[in-house]
């Protein structure tokens, strides 16, 4: 259903990265997520891995149920920011839910001549510690639409990189190369609704 790419870097001087991603297919759709565990190093990577394992095991569940399961799994840990997007083939929708500082933008392919990024809502809180009221958004998507998810290790002005719309892996690497901070782990996940996707 999707073409996607990812680029991640640990904090300079570290070997383990506390920013993880999940891309997991299920019958009728694909779940995508980015997890930013609090802090850096091996313990942050462990916490992010715990959340990723929950999402990978249950990709077809509603996104609010998934975040509640992650919340229970991470209780007593340092916690994490998590944003999830569930793409449904038949309904041509993306269901979005974010808690913490993993940001997402949606770029509509039909926005010509210049792409118009749409910022997606993320709610304050921390999965594993303080979970806010979970209200997800259902967003129509069309072939060619682009989702970009970034942790807070990527500078907020990364949308400057959207001068053109290269394939997702190249765009993820471009954003990582140009906008990663040197004070944090960083991760960019880019997904495009493929031309073969969402056909009537």
Protein backbone atom coordinates (compact mmCIF):
# COMPACT_ATOMS: atom_id res chain seq x y z
CA UNK A 1 0.00 0.00 0.00
CA UNK A 2 2.79 2.42 0.84
CA UNK A 3 6.25 3.36 -0.29
CA UNK A 4 8.30 4.36 2.72
CA UNK A 5 11.76 5.27 3.97
CA UNK A 6 13.41 5.97 7.30
CA UNK A 7 16.57 7.69 8.57
CA UNK A 8 17.69 7.65 12.20
CA UNK A 9 20.74 8.71 14.19
CA UNK A 10 21.62 8.36 17.87
CA UNK A 11 22.85 11.30 19.89
CA UNK A 12 26.47 11.93 18.85
CA UNK A 13 28.71 9.83 21.07
CA UNK A 14 26.04 7.17 21.66
CA UNK A 15 25.66 3.83 19.90
CA UNK A 16 22.03 3.12 20.89
CA UNK A 17 19.12 5.19 19.61
CA UNK A 18 15.99 5.85 21.68
CA UNK A 19 13.98 6.78 18.59
CA UNK A 20 12.33 3.78 16.89
CA UNK A 21 9.88 3.28 14.04
CA UNK A 22 7.28 0.65 13.20
CA UNK A 23 5.88 -0.19 9.77
CA UNK A 24 3.60 -3.22 10.03
CA UNK A 25 1.06 -4.46 7.50
CA UNK A 26 -2.21 -6.12 8.35
CA UNK A 27 -5.25 -7.31 6.41
CA UNK A 28 -6.55 -4.21 4.68
CA UNK A 29 -4.00 -1.73 5.87
CA UNK A 30 -0.64 -0.63 7.26
CA UNK A 31 0.29 0.70 10.70
CA UNK A 32 3.09 3.24 10.95
CA UNK A 33 4.49 4.66 14.19
CA UNK A 34 7.39 6.64 15.57
CA UNK A 35 8.48 6.26 19.20
CA UNK A 36 10.74 8.71 21.03
CA UNK A 37 11.72 7.33 24.44
CA UNK A 38 12.70 9.94 27.02
CA UNK A 39 16.45 10.42 27.24
CA UNK A 40 19.22 8.69 25.32
CA UNK A 41 21.34 5.58 25.23
CA UNK A 42 20.68 1.93 25.96
CA UNK A 43 17.80 2.44 28.42
CA UNK A 44 15.92 4.73 26.03
CA UNK A 45 16.43 2.19 23.24
CA UNK A 46 15.06 -0.55 25.49
CA UNK A 47 11.93 1.45 26.33
CA UNK A 48 11.32 2.32 22.69
CA UNK A 49 11.71 -1.35 21.80
CA UNK A 50 9.06 -2.34 24.35
CA UNK A 51 6.54 0.03 22.76
CA UNK A 52 7.48 -1.10 19.26
CA UNK A 53 6.87 -4.75 20.20
CA UNK A 54 3.31 -3.91 21.32
CA UNK A 55 2.54 -2.14 18.05
CA UNK A 56 4.09 -4.85 15.89
CA UNK A 57 2.01 -7.57 17.58
CA UNK A 58 -1.35 -5.81 17.21
CA UNK A 59 -1.21 -3.58 14.10
CA UNK A 60 -4.91 -3.97 13.21
CA UNK A 61 -6.20 -2.67 16.55
CA UNK A 62 -7.67 0.86 16.81
CA UNK A 63 -4.98 3.45 17.39
CA UNK A 64 -6.35 4.56 20.77
CA UNK A 65 -6.34 0.96 22.02
CA UNK A 66 -2.74 0.60 20.85
CA UNK A 67 -1.61 3.66 22.78
CA UNK A 68 -3.36 2.42 25.90
CA UNK A 69 -1.57 -0.93 25.57
CA UNK A 70 1.75 0.88 25.13
CA UNK A 71 0.93 2.99 28.19
CA UNK A 72 0.41 -0.09 30.34
CA UNK A 73 3.55 -1.73 28.97
CA UNK A 74 5.68 1.32 29.73
CA UNK A 75 4.40 2.02 33.24
CA UNK A 76 7.34 2.41 35.63
CA UNK A 77 9.74 3.21 32.77
CA UNK A 78 11.05 6.58 31.64
CA UNK A 79 8.13 6.78 29.17
CA UNK A 80 7.92 7.83 25.55
CA UNK A 81 6.28 10.08 23.02
CA UNK A 82 4.44 8.03 20.39
CA UNK A 83 2.54 8.96 17.24
CA UNK A 84 0.72 6.37 15.14
CA UNK A 85 -0.93 6.43 11.72
CA UNK A 86 -3.12 3.57 10.51
CA UNK A 87 -3.80 3.48 6.77
CA UNK A 88 -6.97 1.69 5.62
CA UNK A 89 -7.00 0.60 1.97
CA UNK A 90 -10.74 0.26 1.44
CA UNK A 91 -11.88 3.49 3.08
CA UNK A 92 -8.93 5.53 1.76
CA UNK A 93 -8.29 7.03 5.18
CA UNK A 94 -5.44 7.54 7.58
CA UNK A 95 -6.28 7.41 11.29
CA UNK A 96 -3.84 9.55 13.28
CA UNK A 97 -3.12 9.80 17.01
CA UNK A 98 -0.11 11.41 18.66
CA UNK A 99 0.95 11.83 22.30
CA UNK A 100 4.05 13.87 23.07
CA UNK A 101 6.54 15.46 20.72
CA UNK A 102 6.60 13.14 17.69
CA UNK A 103 5.24 15.47 15.02
CA UNK A 104 3.58 14.63 11.74
CA UNK A 105 2.70 16.51 8.59
CA UNK A 106 0.60 15.41 5.65
CA UNK A 107 1.40 16.76 2.20
CA UNK A 108 -1.43 16.42 -0.30
CA UNK A 109 -0.26 15.38 -3.74
CA UNK A 110 -2.89 17.53 -5.44
CA UNK A 111 -1.49 20.74 -3.95
CA UNK A 112 0.20 22.25 -6.98
CA UNK A 113 2.39 24.00 -7.85
CA UNK A 114 3.70 24.20 -4.26
CA UNK A 115 3.10 21.50 -1.61
CA UNK A 116 1.03 22.66 1.38
CA UNK A 117 2.04 20.71 4.50
CA UNK A 118 -0.81 20.08 6.95
CA UNK A 119 0.35 19.76 10.57
CA UNK A 120 -1.25 16.85 12.43
CA UNK A 121 -2.45 17.23 16.02
CA UNK A 122 -0.32 15.83 18.83
CA UNK A 123 -1.53 15.96 22.43
CA UNK A 124 0.53 16.75 25.50
CA UNK A 125 1.46 13.86 27.75
CA UNK A 126 3.78 10.90 28.00
CA UNK A 127 2.98 7.28 27.23
CA UNK A 128 3.80 5.29 30.36
CA UNK A 129 3.30 8.21 32.72
CA UNK A 130 0.50 10.63 31.83
CA UNK A 131 -1.91 9.67 29.05
CA UNK A 132 -4.25 12.44 27.88
CA UNK A 133 -7.75 11.91 26.53
CA UNK A 134 -7.23 9.96 23.33
CA UNK A 135 -9.14 11.43 20.41
CA UNK A 136 -7.96 10.25 17.02
CA UNK A 137 -8.47 11.90 13.64
CA UNK A 138 -9.65 10.19 10.46
CA UNK A 139 -8.15 11.91 7.42
CA UNK A 140 -8.96 11.13 3.76
CA UNK A 141 -5.87 10.30 1.71
CA UNK A 142 -5.30 9.94 -2.01
CA UNK A 143 -2.62 8.33 -4.10
CA UNK A 144 0.60 10.29 -3.91
CA UNK A 145 -0.14 11.90 -0.53
CA UNK A 146 2.92 12.05 1.71
CA UNK A 147 3.16 11.55 5.49
CA UNK A 148 6.29 12.74 7.30
CA UNK A 149 6.83 11.86 10.98
CA UNK A 150 9.76 13.30 12.93
CA UNK A 151 11.04 13.17 16.50
CA UNK A 152 12.08 16.36 18.28
CA UNK A 153 15.67 15.69 17.30
CA UNK A 154 14.72 17.15 13.89
CA UNK A 155 14.50 20.95 13.60
CA UNK A 156 10.97 22.31 13.20
CA UNK A 157 11.82 24.06 9.92
CA UNK A 158 12.40 20.75 8.12
CA UNK A 159 9.50 21.50 5.75
CA UNK A 160 11.99 23.66 3.85
CA UNK A 161 13.26 20.35 2.43
CA UNK A 162 10.02 19.86 0.48
CA UNK A 163 11.31 21.63 -2.60
CA UNK A 164 10.33 18.61 -4.64
CA UNK A 165 8.86 15.22 -3.81
CA UNK A 166 11.58 12.57 -4.22
CA UNK A 167 10.98 8.97 -3.28
CA UNK A 168 10.51 8.51 0.48
CA UNK A 169 13.95 7.12 1.39
CA UNK A 170 15.75 9.99 -0.33
CA UNK A 171 13.50 12.54 1.35
CA UNK A 172 14.01 10.97 4.80
CA UNK A 173 17.77 11.10 4.32
CA UNK A 174 17.62 14.69 3.06
CA UNK A 175 15.67 15.82 6.13
CA UNK A 176 17.96 13.88 8.48
CA UNK A 177 21.09 15.27 6.84
CA UNK A 178 19.90 18.87 6.81
CA UNK A 179 17.86 19.26 10.00
CA UNK A 180 19.05 16.76 12.65
CA UNK A 181 20.12 18.37 15.94
CA UNK A 182 23.42 17.45 17.58
CA UNK A 183 21.83 17.42 21.06
CA UNK A 184 19.37 14.53 20.67
CA UNK A 185 18.53 11.26 18.96
CA UNK A 186 16.65 11.88 15.72
CA UNK A 187 14.41 9.94 13.35
CA UNK A 188 12.48 10.71 10.17
CA UNK A 189 9.84 8.35 8.73
CA UNK A 190 8.35 9.18 5.33
CA UNK A 191 5.51 7.33 3.62
CA UNK A 192 3.76 7.91 0.32
CA UNK A 193 0.47 6.40 -0.79
CA UNK A 194 1.76 4.49 -3.79
CA UNK A 195 0.30 5.00 -7.27
CA UNK A 196 -1.05 1.44 -7.17
CA UNK A 197 -2.67 2.15 -3.80
CA UNK A 198 -6.20 3.47 -3.32
CA UNK A 199 -7.43 2.59 -6.79
CA UNK A 200 -11.19 2.25 -7.10
